[in-house]
């Protein structure tokens, strides 16, 4: 009973129907129940010389952006 009163109050406060409030709550509840799929090995093909260029640190996004932008400079 309290849950229904709360849902009606929320519907009135947000200008939505009680049905819309219940549908949204149900979507949220069901989305949280999704089981993660079994993890499988993932292969990412690479091309070129293999490995990173000297000085590239994939954990430093700012430095990585600087390196990528430097390659675009027509200097």
PDB file of N, CA and C in Angstrom:
ATOM      1  N   UNK A   1       0.829  -1.196   0.000  1.00  0.00           N
ATOM      2  CA  UNK A   1       0.000   0.000   0.000  1.00  0.00           C
ATOM      3  C   UNK A   1       0.871   1.257   0.000  1.00  0.00           C
ATOM      4  N   UNK A   2       1.924   1.230   0.807  1.00  0.00           N
ATOM      5  CA  UNK A   2       2.804   2.396   0.868  1.00  0.00           C
ATOM      6  C   UNK A   2       3.522   2.598  -0.464  1.00  0.00           C
ATOM      7  N   UNK A   3       3.909   1.517  -1.083  1.00  0.00           N
ATOM      8  CA  UNK A   3       4.592   1.594  -2.375  1.00  0.00           C
ATOM      9  C   UNK A   3       3.687   2.240  -3.425  1.00  0.00           C
ATOM     10  N   UNK A   4       2.405   1.865  -3.413  1.00  0.00           N
ATOM     11  CA  UNK A   4       1.461   2.446  -4.358  1.00  0.00           C
ATOM     12  C   UNK A   4       1.269   3.933  -4.082  1.00  0.00           C
ATOM     13  N   UNK A   5       1.188   4.297  -2.811  1.00  0.00           N
ATOM     14  CA  UNK A   5       1.052   5.727  -2.467  1.00  0.00           C
ATOM     15  C   UNK A   5       2.271   6.509  -2.934  1.00  0.00           C
ATOM     16  N   UNK A   6       3.449   5.936  -2.733  1.00  0.00           N
ATOM     17  CA  UNK A   6       4.682   6.611  -3.173  1.00  0.00           C
ATOM     18  C   UNK A   6       4.712   6.766  -4.683  1.00  0.00           C
ATOM     19  N   UNK A   7       4.285   5.739  -5.395  1.00  0.00           N
ATOM     20  CA  UNK A   7       4.269   5.799  -6.856  1.00  0.00           C
ATOM     21  C   UNK A   7       3.276   6.852  -7.342  1.00  0.00           C
ATOM     22  N   UNK A   8       2.114   6.918  -6.715  1.00  0.00           N
ATOM     23  CA  UNK A   8       1.120   7.929  -7.088  1.00  0.00           C
ATOM     24  C   UNK A   8       1.651   9.334  -6.814  1.00  0.00           C
ATOM     25  N   UNK A   9       2.345   9.496  -5.712  1.00  0.00           N
ATOM     26  CA  UNK A   9       2.905  10.804  -5.352  1.00  0.00           C
ATOM     27  C   UNK A   9       3.956  11.219  -6.379  1.00  0.00           C
ATOM     28  N   UNK A  10       4.822  10.269  -6.752  1.00  0.00           N
ATOM     29  CA  UNK A  10       5.848  10.558  -7.748  1.00  0.00           C
ATOM     30  C   UNK A  10       5.211  10.917  -9.090  1.00  0.00           C
ATOM     31  N   UNK A  11       4.173  10.213  -9.468  1.00  0.00           N
ATOM     32  CA  UNK A  11       3.478  10.508 -10.722  1.00  0.00           C
ATOM     33  C   UNK A  11       2.917  11.925 -10.703  1.00  0.00           C
ATOM     34  N   UNK A  12       2.318  12.301  -9.597  1.00  0.00           N
ATOM     35  CA  UNK A  12       1.739  13.644  -9.493  1.00  0.00           C
ATOM     36  C   UNK A  12       2.831  14.714  -9.513  1.00  0.00           C
ATOM     37  N   UNK A  13       3.937  14.443  -8.822  1.00  0.00           N
ATOM     38  CA  UNK A  13       5.025  15.423  -8.751  1.00  0.00           C
ATOM     39  C   UNK A  13       5.715  15.616 -10.100  1.00  0.00           C
ATOM     40  N   UNK A  14       5.770  14.575 -10.894  1.00  0.00           N
ATOM     41  CA  UNK A  14       6.476  14.651 -12.172  1.00  0.00           C
ATOM     42  C   UNK A  14       5.546  14.859 -13.359  1.00  0.00           C
ATOM     43  N   UNK A  15       4.257  14.896 -13.113  1.00  0.00           N
ATOM     44  CA  UNK A  15       3.301  15.126 -14.187  1.00  0.00           C
ATOM     45  C   UNK A  15       3.169  13.947 -15.126  1.00  0.00           C
ATOM     46  N   UNK A  16       3.439  12.747 -14.642  1.00  0.00           N
ATOM     47  CA  UNK A  16       3.310  11.550 -15.466  1.00  0.00           C
ATOM     48  C   UNK A  16       2.177  10.697 -14.922  1.00  0.00           C
ATOM     49  N   UNK A  17       1.780   9.729 -15.711  1.00  0.00           N
ATOM     50  CA  UNK A  17       0.738   8.820 -15.253  1.00  0.00           C
ATOM     51  C   UNK A  17       1.341   7.791 -14.303  1.00  0.00           C
ATOM     52  N   UNK A  18       0.495   7.186 -13.501  1.00  0.00           N
ATOM     53  CA  UNK A  18       0.945   6.126 -12.610  1.00  0.00           C
ATOM     54  C   UNK A  18       1.517   4.971 -13.427  1.00  0.00           C
ATOM     55  N   UNK A  19       0.902   4.681 -14.551  1.00  0.00           N
ATOM     56  CA  UNK A  19       1.385   3.609 -15.425  1.00  0.00           C
ATOM     57  C   UNK A  19       2.804   3.902 -15.903  1.00  0.00           C
ATOM     58  N   UNK A  20       3.076   5.139 -16.286  1.00  0.00           N
ATOM     59  CA  UNK A  20       4.407   5.511 -16.764  1.00  0.00           C
ATOM     60  C   UNK A  20       5.449   5.357 -15.663  1.00  0.00           C
ATOM     61  N   UNK A  21       5.085   5.746 -14.455  1.00  0.00           N
ATOM     62  CA  UNK A  21       6.008   5.616 -13.318  1.00  0.00           C
ATOM     63  C   UNK A  21       6.311   4.144 -13.063  1.00  0.00           C
ATOM     64  N   UNK A  22       5.287   3.316 -13.080  1.00  0.00           N
ATOM     65  CA  UNK A  22       5.468   1.879 -12.840  1.00  0.00           C
ATOM     66  C   UNK A  22       6.288   1.245 -13.959  1.00  0.00           C
ATOM     67  N   UNK A  23       6.029   1.632 -15.212  1.00  0.00           N
ATOM     68  CA  UNK A  23       6.796   1.098 -16.344  1.00  0.00           C
ATOM     69  C   UNK A  23       8.276   1.453 -16.213  1.00  0.00           C
ATOM     70  N   UNK A  24       8.561   2.707 -15.863  1.00  0.00           N
ATOM     71  CA  UNK A  24       9.952   3.138 -15.709  1.00  0.00           C
ATOM     72  C   UNK A  24      10.644   2.367 -14.586  1.00  0.00           C
ATOM     73  N   UNK A  25       9.954   2.191 -13.482  1.00  0.00           N
ATOM     74  CA  UNK A  25      10.533   1.461 -12.352  1.00  0.00           C
ATOM     75  C   UNK A  25      10.796   0.003 -12.730  1.00  0.00           C
ATOM     76  N   UNK A  26       9.893  -0.569 -13.490  1.00  0.00           N
ATOM     77  CA  UNK A  26      10.057  -1.955 -13.923  1.00  0.00           C
ATOM     78  C   UNK A  26      11.228  -2.091 -14.893  1.00  0.00           C
ATOM     79  N   UNK A  27      11.390  -1.106 -15.801  1.00  0.00           N
ATOM     80  CA  UNK A  27      12.520  -1.132 -16.728  1.00  0.00           C
ATOM     81  C   UNK A  27      13.843  -1.087 -15.965  1.00  0.00           C
ATOM     82  N   UNK A  28      13.918  -0.216 -14.973  1.00  0.00           N
ATOM     83  CA  UNK A  28      15.137  -0.094 -14.175  1.00  0.00           C
ATOM     84  C   UNK A  28      15.416  -1.396 -13.432  1.00  0.00           C
ATOM     85  N   UNK A  29      14.390  -1.977 -12.855  1.00  0.00           N
ATOM     86  CA  UNK A  29      14.558  -3.220 -12.097  1.00  0.00           C
ATOM     87  C   UNK A  29      15.006  -4.357 -13.009  1.00  0.00           C
ATOM     88  N   UNK A  30      14.422  -4.447 -14.187  1.00  0.00           N
ATOM     89  CA  UNK A  30      14.778  -5.530 -15.106  1.00  0.00           C
ATOM     90  C   UNK A  30      16.162  -5.316 -15.711  1.00  0.00           C
ATOM     91  N   UNK A  31      16.540  -4.080 -15.957  1.00  0.00           N
ATOM     92  CA  UNK A  31      17.868  -3.795 -16.512  1.00  0.00           C
ATOM     93  C   UNK A  31      18.948  -4.201 -15.520  1.00  0.00           C
ATOM     94  N   UNK A  32      18.693  -4.065 -14.239  1.00  0.00           N
ATOM     95  CA  UNK A  32      19.667  -4.436 -13.226  1.00  0.00           C
ATOM     96  C   UNK A  32      19.781  -5.928 -13.040  1.00  0.00           C
ATOM     97  N   UNK A  33      18.824  -6.688 -13.529  1.00  0.00           N
ATOM     98  CA  UNK A  33      18.813  -8.134 -13.361  1.00  0.00           C
ATOM     99  C   UNK A  33      19.497  -8.874 -14.502  1.00  0.00           C
ATOM    100  N   UNK A  34      19.886  -8.157 -15.548  1.00  0.00           N
ATOM    101  CA  UNK A  34      20.505  -8.823 -16.689  1.00  0.00           C
ATOM    102  C   UNK A  34      21.809  -9.467 -16.252  1.00  0.00           C
ATOM    103  N   UNK A  35      21.957 -10.701 -16.606  1.00  0.00           N
ATOM    104  CA  UNK A  35      23.168 -11.436 -16.287  1.00  0.00           C
ATOM    105  C   UNK A  35      24.222 -11.133 -17.349  1.00  0.00           C
ATOM    106  N   UNK A  36      25.435 -10.863 -16.918  1.00  0.00           N
ATOM    107  CA  UNK A  36      26.471 -10.632 -17.926  1.00  0.00           C
ATOM    108  C   UNK A  36      26.719 -11.904 -18.724  1.00  0.00           C
ATOM    109  N   UNK A  37      26.917 -11.735 -19.999  1.00  0.00           N
ATOM    110  CA  UNK A  37      27.160 -12.894 -20.842  1.00  0.00           C
ATOM    111  C   UNK A  37      28.531 -13.474 -20.516  1.00  0.00           C
ATOM    112  N   UNK A  38      28.691 -14.726 -20.855  1.00  0.00           N
ATOM    113  CA  UNK A  38      29.971 -15.371 -20.608  1.00  0.00           C
ATOM    114  C   UNK A  38      31.055 -14.631 -21.359  1.00  0.00           C
ATOM    115  N   UNK A  39      32.139 -14.385 -20.672  1.00  0.00           N
ATOM    116  CA  UNK A  39      33.240 -13.688 -21.316  1.00  0.00           C
ATOM    117  C   UNK A  39      33.976 -14.665 -22.210  1.00  0.00           C
ATOM    118  N   UNK A  40      34.263 -14.198 -23.391  1.00  0.00           N
ATOM    119  CA  UNK A  40      35.027 -15.030 -24.308  1.00  0.00           C
ATOM    120  C   UNK A  40      36.323 -14.306 -24.639  1.00  0.00           C
ATOM    121  N   UNK A  41      37.277 -15.056 -25.118  1.00  0.00           N
ATOM    122  CA  UNK A  41      38.526 -14.434 -25.530  1.00  0.00           C
ATOM    123  C   UNK A  41      38.242 -13.484 -26.675  1.00  0.00           C
ATOM    124  N   UNK A  42      38.906 -12.372 -26.639  1.00  0.00           N
ATOM    125  CA  UNK A  42      38.706 -11.358 -27.659  1.00  0.00           C
ATOM    126  C   UNK A  42      40.021 -11.143 -28.381  1.00  0.00           C
ATOM    127  N   UNK A  43      40.007 -11.219 -29.681  1.00  0.00           N
ATOM    128  CA  UNK A  43      41.204 -11.024 -30.473  1.00  0.00           C
ATOM    129  C   UNK A  43      41.059  -9.730 -31.248  1.00  0.00           C
ATOM    130  N   UNK A  44      42.015  -8.842 -31.088  1.00  0.00           N
ATOM    131  CA  UNK A  44      42.032  -7.585 -31.814  1.00  0.00           C
ATOM    132  C   UNK A  44      43.212  -7.620 -32.771  1.00  0.00           C
ATOM    133  N   UNK A  45      42.948  -7.721 -34.057  1.00  0.00           N
ATOM    134  CA  UNK A  45      44.064  -7.774 -35.002  1.00  0.00           C
ATOM    135  C   UNK A  45      44.796  -6.442 -35.047  1.00  0.00           C
ATOM    136  N   UNK A  46      46.093  -6.502 -35.154  1.00  0.00           N
ATOM    137  CA  UNK A  46      46.906  -5.292 -35.262  1.00  0.00           C
ATOM    138  C   UNK A  46      47.704  -5.351 -36.559  1.00  0.00           C
ATOM    139  N   UNK A  47      48.103  -4.214 -37.021  1.00  0.00           N
ATOM    140  CA  UNK A  47      48.828  -4.119 -38.272  1.00  0.00           C
ATOM    141  C   UNK A  47      50.048  -3.240 -38.068  1.00  0.00           C
ATOM    142  N   UNK A  48      51.050  -3.430 -38.860  1.00  0.00           N
ATOM    143  CA  UNK A  48      52.231  -2.589 -38.789  1.00  0.00           C
ATOM    144  C   UNK A  48      53.395  -3.337 -38.178  1.00  0.00           C
ATOM    145  N   UNK A  49      54.240  -2.590 -37.520  1.00  0.00           N
ATOM    146  CA  UNK A  49      55.486  -3.123 -36.993  1.00  0.00           C
ATOM    147  C   UNK A  49      55.277  -3.967 -35.741  1.00  0.00           C
ATOM    148  N   UNK A  50      54.167  -3.843 -35.096  1.00  0.00           N
ATOM    149  CA  UNK A  50      53.939  -4.592 -33.859  1.00  0.00           C
ATOM    150  C   UNK A  50      54.419  -3.777 -32.670  1.00  0.00           C
ATOM    151  N   UNK A  51      53.609  -3.716 -31.663  1.00  0.00           N
ATOM    152  CA  UNK A  51      53.993  -2.975 -30.466  1.00  0.00           C
ATOM    153  C   UNK A  51      53.714  -1.493 -30.594  1.00  0.00           C
ATOM    154  N   UNK A  52      54.024  -0.784 -29.532  1.00  0.00           N
ATOM    155  CA  UNK A  52      53.798   0.657 -29.482  1.00  0.00           C
ATOM    156  C   UNK A  52      54.999   1.418 -30.012  1.00  0.00           C
ATOM    157  N   UNK A  53      54.728   2.608 -30.478  1.00  0.00           N
ATOM    158  CA  UNK A  53      55.819   3.497 -30.861  1.00  0.00           C
ATOM    159  C   UNK A  53      56.570   3.896 -29.604  1.00  0.00           C
ATOM    160  N   UNK A  54      57.848   4.175 -29.703  1.00  0.00           N
ATOM    161  CA  UNK A  54      58.605   4.624 -28.531  1.00  0.00           C
ATOM    162  C   UNK A  54      57.986   5.887 -27.947  1.00  0.00           C
ATOM    163  N   UNK A  55      57.860   5.921 -26.639  1.00  0.00           N
ATOM    164  CA  UNK A  55      57.323   7.094 -25.959  1.00  0.00           C
ATOM    165  C   UNK A  55      55.816   7.096 -25.803  1.00  0.00           C
ATOM    166  N   UNK A  56      55.118   6.115 -26.337  1.00  0.00           N
ATOM    167  CA  UNK A  56      53.661   6.063 -26.235  1.00  0.00           C
ATOM    168  C   UNK A  56      53.279   5.351 -24.944  1.00  0.00           C
ATOM    169  N   UNK A  57      52.476   6.043 -24.139  1.00  0.00           N
ATOM    170  CA  UNK A  57      51.959   5.475 -22.890  1.00  0.00           C
ATOM    171  C   UNK A  57      50.445   5.475 -22.994  1.00  0.00           C
ATOM    172  N   UNK A  58      49.846   4.306 -23.140  1.00  0.00           N
ATOM    173  CA  UNK A  58      48.399   4.216 -23.324  1.00  0.00           C
ATOM    174  C   UNK A  58      47.628   4.630 -22.078  1.00  0.00           C
ATOM    175  N   UNK A  59      48.285   4.724 -20.945  1.00  0.00           N
ATOM    176  CA  UNK A  59      47.627   5.164 -19.710  1.00  0.00           C
ATOM    177  C   UNK A  59      47.595   6.674 -19.589  1.00  0.00           C
ATOM    178  N   UNK A  60      48.253   7.391 -20.488  1.00  0.00           N
ATOM    179  CA  UNK A  60      48.299   8.846 -20.440  1.00  0.00           C
ATOM    180  C   UNK A  60      47.591   9.385 -21.675  1.00  0.00           C
ATOM    181  N   UNK A  61      46.294   9.632 -21.541  1.00  0.00           N
ATOM    182  CA  UNK A  61      45.495  10.032 -22.706  1.00  0.00           C
ATOM    183  C   UNK A  61      45.897  11.401 -23.247  1.00  0.00           C
ATOM    184  N   UNK A  62      46.327  12.315 -22.385  1.00  0.00           N
ATOM    185  CA  UNK A  62      46.723  13.640 -22.852  1.00  0.00           C
ATOM    186  C   UNK A  62      47.972  13.545 -23.719  1.00  0.00           C
ATOM    187  N   UNK A  63      48.958  12.765 -23.272  1.00  0.00           N
ATOM    188  CA  UNK A  63      50.174  12.591 -24.057  1.00  0.00           C
ATOM    189  C   UNK A  63      49.877  11.858 -25.361  1.00  0.00           C
ATOM    190  N   UNK A  64      48.984  10.893 -25.303  1.00  0.00           N
ATOM    191  CA  UNK A  64      48.610  10.157 -26.501  1.00  0.00           C
ATOM    192  C   UNK A  64      47.949  11.088 -27.516  1.00  0.00           C
ATOM    193  N   UNK A  65      47.100  11.977 -27.050  1.00  0.00           N
ATOM    194  CA  UNK A  65      46.457  12.946 -27.936  1.00  0.00           C
ATOM    195  C   UNK A  65      47.495  13.870 -28.561  1.00  0.00           C
ATOM    196  N   UNK A  66      48.477  14.311 -27.768  1.00  0.00           N
ATOM    197  CA  UNK A  66      49.539  15.153 -28.292  1.00  0.00           C
ATOM    198  C   UNK A  66      50.295  14.448 -29.413  1.00  0.00           C
ATOM    199  N   UNK A  67      50.595  13.158 -29.204  1.00  0.00           N
ATOM    200  CA  UNK A  67      51.319  12.396 -30.219  1.00  0.00           C
ATOM    201  C   UNK A  67      50.481  12.272 -31.493  1.00  0.00           C
ATOM    202  N   UNK A  68      49.188  11.987 -31.330  1.00  0.00           N
ATOM    203  CA  UNK A  68      48.328  11.832 -32.501  1.00  0.00           C
ATOM    204  C   UNK A  68      48.174  13.140 -33.249  1.00  0.00           C
ATOM    205  N   UNK A  69      48.060  14.242 -32.526  1.00  0.00           N
ATOM    206  CA  UNK A  69      47.909  15.531 -33.177  1.00  0.00           C
ATOM    207  C   UNK A  69      49.210  15.956 -33.844  1.00  0.00           C
ATOM    208  N   UNK A  70      50.351  15.579 -33.281  1.00  0.00           N
ATOM    209  CA  UNK A  70      51.639  15.927 -33.881  1.00  0.00           C
ATOM    210  C   UNK A  70      51.791  15.257 -35.237  1.00  0.00           C
ATOM    211  N   UNK A  71      51.222  14.071 -35.389  1.00  0.00           N
ATOM    212  CA  UNK A  71      51.291  13.377 -36.675  1.00  0.00           C
ATOM    213  C   UNK A  71      50.490  14.091 -37.756  1.00  0.00           C
ATOM    214  N   UNK A  72      49.536  14.928 -37.352  1.00  0.00           N
ATOM    215  CA  UNK A  72      48.691  15.649 -38.310  1.00  0.00           C
ATOM    216  C   UNK A  72      49.322  16.977 -38.741  1.00  0.00           C
ATOM    217  N   UNK A  73      50.349  17.440 -38.028  1.00  0.00           N
ATOM    218  CA  UNK A  73      50.970  18.726 -38.348  1.00  0.00           C
ATOM    219  C   UNK A  73      51.726  18.622 -39.659  1.00  0.00           C
ATOM    220  N   UNK A  74      51.464  19.531 -40.590  1.00  0.00           N
ATOM    221  CA  UNK A  74      52.150  19.485 -41.886  1.00  0.00           C
ATOM    222  C   UNK A  74      53.514  20.132 -41.842  1.00  0.00           C
ATOM    223  N   UNK A  75      54.093  20.364 -40.697  1.00  0.00           N
ATOM    224  CA  UNK A  75      55.385  21.078 -40.566  1.00  0.00           C
ATOM    225  C   UNK A  75      56.507  20.342 -41.164  1.00  0.00           C
TER     226      UNK A  75
END
